[in-house]
Amino acid sequence: MRINDQYGVMSKILTVISKNDASVITINMTLPIHKEAVINFTIDTHQLRESLHEMLDEINELPEIISVNLISAE
């Protein structure tokens, strides 16, 4: 996902992931350039409360999020 690099945005993303009973396995974030950064998450979704797409939509609705892209799902 691409984000506006602002204080607390990672916490908001992790809160959405956590409240949906998904588990973060890895996080990789680029250095912010022009106050934008890219974050790649590897997430275990076996215990997910709602659909993966609903969770991603919820994250995408956060005001600091520029875009969310799903690369792969098993």
Protein backbone atom coordinates (compact mmCIF):
# COMPACT_ATOMS: atom_id res chain seq x y z
CA MET A 1 0.00 0.00 0.00
CA ARG A 2 1.02 3.61 -0.53
CA ILE A 3 0.52 5.91 2.42
CA ASN A 4 0.96 9.52 3.38
CA ASP A 5 3.78 9.34 5.90
CA GLN A 6 2.12 10.79 8.98
CA TYR A 7 2.42 10.07 12.68
CA GLY A 8 0.20 7.16 13.75
CA VAL A 9 -0.74 5.76 10.33
CA MET A 10 1.01 2.42 10.94
CA SER A 11 -0.86 2.07 14.22
CA LYS A 12 -4.20 2.66 12.47
CA ILE A 13 -3.41 0.01 9.84
CA LEU A 14 -2.30 -2.51 12.46
CA THR A 15 -5.48 -1.83 14.48
CA VAL A 16 -7.67 -2.74 11.49
CA ILE A 17 -5.64 -5.90 10.86
CA SER A 18 -5.76 -6.90 14.52
CA LYS A 19 -9.48 -6.28 15.03
CA ASN A 20 -10.14 -8.61 12.08
CA ASP A 21 -8.12 -11.39 13.77
CA ALA A 22 -5.43 -11.40 11.09
CA SER A 23 -1.78 -11.73 12.08
CA VAL A 24 1.09 -9.72 10.62
CA ILE A 25 4.02 -11.93 9.67
CA THR A 26 6.29 -9.32 8.04
CA ILE A 27 6.30 -5.57 7.42
CA ASN A 28 8.57 -3.88 4.90
CA MET A 29 8.38 -0.08 4.55
CA THR A 30 10.30 2.12 2.14
CA LEU A 31 11.87 5.38 3.20
CA PRO A 32 9.37 8.22 2.76
CA ILE A 33 9.94 10.35 -0.33
CA HIS A 34 7.92 13.56 -0.61
CA LYS A 35 5.98 12.41 2.49
CA GLU A 36 4.79 9.19 0.81
CA ALA A 37 5.92 5.66 1.58
CA VAL A 38 5.16 2.12 0.43
CA ILE A 39 4.41 -0.63 2.94
CA ASN A 40 4.34 -4.34 2.11
CA PHE A 41 2.66 -6.65 4.60
CA THR A 42 2.64 -10.43 4.76
CA ILE A 43 -0.49 -11.33 6.70
CA ASP A 44 -1.85 -14.65 8.00
CA THR A 45 -5.58 -14.54 7.24
CA HIS A 46 -6.61 -18.04 8.38
CA GLN A 47 -8.64 -16.65 11.30
CA LEU A 48 -10.00 -13.60 9.46
CA ARG A 49 -13.39 -12.36 10.77
CA GLU A 50 -14.56 -10.80 7.51
CA SER A 51 -13.44 -11.28 3.92
CA LEU A 52 -9.95 -10.19 2.94
CA HIS A 53 -11.37 -7.66 0.51
CA GLU A 54 -13.57 -6.12 3.23
CA MET A 55 -10.54 -5.72 5.49
CA LEU A 56 -8.53 -4.14 2.67
CA ASP A 57 -11.44 -1.79 1.89
CA GLU A 58 -11.52 -0.77 5.55
CA ILE A 59 -7.80 0.01 5.45
CA ASN A 60 -8.20 1.88 2.17
CA GLU A 61 -10.84 4.12 3.80
CA LEU A 62 -8.30 5.50 6.28
CA PRO A 63 -7.55 9.11 5.29
CA GLU A 64 -3.77 8.57 5.19
CA ILE A 65 -3.99 5.72 2.67
CA ILE A 66 -3.29 6.56 -0.96
CA SER A 67 -3.83 3.07 -2.40
CA VAL A 68 -4.04 -0.59 -1.38
CA ASN A 69 -3.07 -3.41 -3.74
CA LEU A 70 -3.36 -7.14 -3.09
CA ILE A 71 -0.35 -8.90 -4.60
CA SER A 72 -1.24 -12.50 -3.76
CA ALA A 73 -3.60 -14.53 -1.59
CA GLU A 74 -3.74 -18.23 -0.76
